[in-house]
Amino acid sequence: MLSGLRLAFSRDQKDKVYIQHLMMQDRDQLAELMLDECGKHRGGRFYLCGPTWPEGPVQDAIEQSFQEARGMSKEESSGKVQELKE
């Protein structure tokens, strides 16, 4: 079941809007769908067209979402992203 869809066509508009900007706007929902209150994987999925695994600003946005919405430390959120990659 698809519960959310955000599109960022950064090259199709004058003001550049990238997916990481939209992810930060939706950080609470992203964390809620991916993690339960204890930070365990809830079963949500994240799909991104492009590279095999998001790096740089997109990975930072996922980690920051976990930090801000679930109170994780930088190390915890980074570890959680690594766990989800596997």
C-alpha atoms as a PDB file:
ATOM      1  CA  MET A   1       0.000   0.000   0.000  1.00  0.00           C
ATOM      2  CA  LEU A   2       1.358   3.415  -0.940  1.00  0.00           C
ATOM      3  CA  SER A   3       0.856   5.907   1.877  1.00  0.00           C
ATOM      4  CA  GLY A   4       2.762   8.866   0.511  1.00  0.00           C
ATOM      5  CA  LEU A   5       4.396  10.170  -2.629  1.00  0.00           C
ATOM      6  CA  ARG A   6       6.530  13.270  -2.980  1.00  0.00           C
ATOM      7  CA  LEU A   7       8.021  14.376  -6.278  1.00  0.00           C
ATOM      8  CA  ALA A   8      10.964  16.727  -6.652  1.00  0.00           C
ATOM      9  CA  PHE A   9      11.808  17.695 -10.199  1.00  0.00           C
ATOM     10  CA  SER A  10      14.751  19.918  -9.438  1.00  0.00           C
ATOM     11  CA  ARG A  11      15.583  20.617 -13.071  1.00  0.00           C
ATOM     12  CA  ASP A  12      12.034  21.464 -14.167  1.00  0.00           C
ATOM     13  CA  GLN A  13      11.593  24.729 -12.286  1.00  0.00           C
ATOM     14  CA  LYS A  14      13.371  27.983 -11.581  1.00  0.00           C
ATOM     15  CA  ASP A  15      13.605  27.437  -7.806  1.00  0.00           C
ATOM     16  CA  LYS A  16      15.450  24.201  -7.173  1.00  0.00           C
ATOM     17  CA  VAL A  17      13.513  21.831  -4.911  1.00  0.00           C
ATOM     18  CA  TYR A  18      15.387  18.655  -4.105  1.00  0.00           C
ATOM     19  CA  ILE A  19      14.030  15.496  -2.512  1.00  0.00           C
ATOM     20  CA  GLN A  20      15.967  16.106   0.707  1.00  0.00           C
ATOM     21  CA  HIS A  21      14.036  19.392   1.161  1.00  0.00           C
ATOM     22  CA  LEU A  22      10.717  17.553   0.888  1.00  0.00           C
ATOM     23  CA  MET A  23      11.956  14.799   3.182  1.00  0.00           C
ATOM     24  CA  MET A  24      12.731  17.341   5.882  1.00  0.00           C
ATOM     25  CA  GLN A  25       9.260  18.851   5.501  1.00  0.00           C
ATOM     26  CA  ASP A  26       7.844  15.346   6.039  1.00  0.00           C
ATOM     27  CA  ARG A  27      10.378  14.218   8.661  1.00  0.00           C
ATOM     28  CA  ASP A  28       7.774  13.247  11.269  1.00  0.00           C
ATOM     29  CA  GLN A  29       5.834  11.095   8.821  1.00  0.00           C
ATOM     30  CA  LEU A  30       9.032   9.578   7.407  1.00  0.00           C
ATOM     31  CA  ALA A  31      10.228   8.557  10.867  1.00  0.00           C
ATOM     32  CA  GLU A  32       6.757   7.323  11.848  1.00  0.00           C
ATOM     33  CA  LEU A  33       6.478   5.056   8.819  1.00  0.00           C
ATOM     34  CA  MET A  34      10.033   3.747   9.123  1.00  0.00           C
ATOM     35  CA  LEU A  35      10.449   3.445  12.906  1.00  0.00           C
ATOM     36  CA  ASP A  36       8.319   2.729  15.945  1.00  0.00           C
ATOM     37  CA  GLU A  37       8.600   4.819  19.115  1.00  0.00           C
ATOM     38  CA  CYS A  38      11.607   2.768  20.281  1.00  0.00           C
ATOM     39  CA  GLY A  39      13.484   3.196  17.003  1.00  0.00           C
ATOM     40  CA  LYS A  40      12.858  -0.360  15.796  1.00  0.00           C
ATOM     41  CA  HIS A  41      12.133  -0.850  12.095  1.00  0.00           C
ATOM     42  CA  ARG A  42       8.393  -0.636  11.627  1.00  0.00           C
ATOM     43  CA  GLY A  43       8.375  -2.076   8.136  1.00  0.00           C
ATOM     44  CA  GLY A  44       8.049   1.108   6.126  1.00  0.00           C
ATOM     45  CA  ARG A  45       9.885   1.367   2.841  1.00  0.00           C
ATOM     46  CA  PHE A  46      11.685   4.257   1.224  1.00  0.00           C
ATOM     47  CA  TYR A  47      12.054   4.405  -2.560  1.00  0.00           C
ATOM     48  CA  LEU A  48      14.204   6.868  -4.456  1.00  0.00           C
ATOM     49  CA  CYS A  49      14.725   6.881  -8.191  1.00  0.00           C
ATOM     50  CA  GLY A  50      18.392   7.268  -8.949  1.00  0.00           C
ATOM     51  CA  PRO A  51      21.406   5.729  -7.242  1.00  0.00           C
ATOM     52  CA  THR A  52      21.362   2.307  -5.609  1.00  0.00           C
ATOM     53  CA  TRP A  53      21.536   3.907  -2.182  1.00  0.00           C
ATOM     54  CA  PRO A  54      21.128   7.602  -1.419  1.00  0.00           C
ATOM     55  CA  GLU A  55      24.230   9.321  -0.168  1.00  0.00           C
ATOM     56  CA  GLY A  56      25.129  12.828   0.850  1.00  0.00           C
ATOM     57  CA  PRO A  57      22.201  15.176   1.387  1.00  0.00           C
ATOM     58  CA  VAL A  58      19.513  12.489   0.990  1.00  0.00           C
ATOM     59  CA  GLN A  59      21.098  10.169   3.552  1.00  0.00           C
ATOM     60  CA  ASP A  60      21.640  13.181   5.815  1.00  0.00           C
ATOM     61  CA  ALA A  61      17.919  14.013   5.531  1.00  0.00           C
ATOM     62  CA  ILE A  62      16.934  10.473   6.547  1.00  0.00           C
ATOM     63  CA  GLU A  63      19.291  10.558   9.528  1.00  0.00           C
ATOM     64  CA  GLN A  64      18.181  14.055  10.542  1.00  0.00           C
ATOM     65  CA  SER A  65      14.532  12.964  10.319  1.00  0.00           C
ATOM     66  CA  PHE A  66      15.257  10.148  12.765  1.00  0.00           C
ATOM     67  CA  GLN A  67      17.133  12.536  15.058  1.00  0.00           C
ATOM     68  CA  GLU A  68      14.460  15.232  15.130  1.00  0.00           C
ATOM     69  CA  ALA A  69      11.349  13.045  15.086  1.00  0.00           C
ATOM     70  CA  ARG A  70      12.596  10.207  17.313  1.00  0.00           C
ATOM     71  CA  GLY A  71      15.233  11.928  19.437  1.00  0.00           C
ATOM     72  CA  MET A  72      18.052   9.736  18.195  1.00  0.00           C
ATOM     73  CA  SER A  73      21.655  10.834  18.429  1.00  0.00           C
ATOM     74  CA  LYS A  74      23.666  11.291  15.241  1.00  0.00           C
ATOM     75  CA  GLU A  75      25.403   7.984  15.916  1.00  0.00           C
ATOM     76  CA  GLU A  76      22.098   6.156  16.526  1.00  0.00           C
ATOM     77  CA  SER A  77      20.475   7.523  13.383  1.00  0.00           C
ATOM     78  CA  SER A  78      23.544   6.721  11.290  1.00  0.00           C
ATOM     79  CA  GLY A  79      23.566   3.187  12.695  1.00  0.00           C
ATOM     80  CA  LYS A  80      19.850   2.793  11.996  1.00  0.00           C
ATOM     81  CA  VAL A  81      20.327   3.849   8.368  1.00  0.00           C
ATOM     82  CA  GLN A  82      23.169   1.335   8.029  1.00  0.00           C
ATOM     83  CA  GLU A  83      20.914  -1.352   9.503  1.00  0.00           C
ATOM     84  CA  LEU A  84      18.090  -0.476   7.114  1.00  0.00           C
ATOM     85  CA  LYS A  85      20.486  -0.629   4.143  1.00  0.00           C
ATOM     86  CA  GLU A  86      21.236  -4.246   4.977  1.00  0.00           C
END
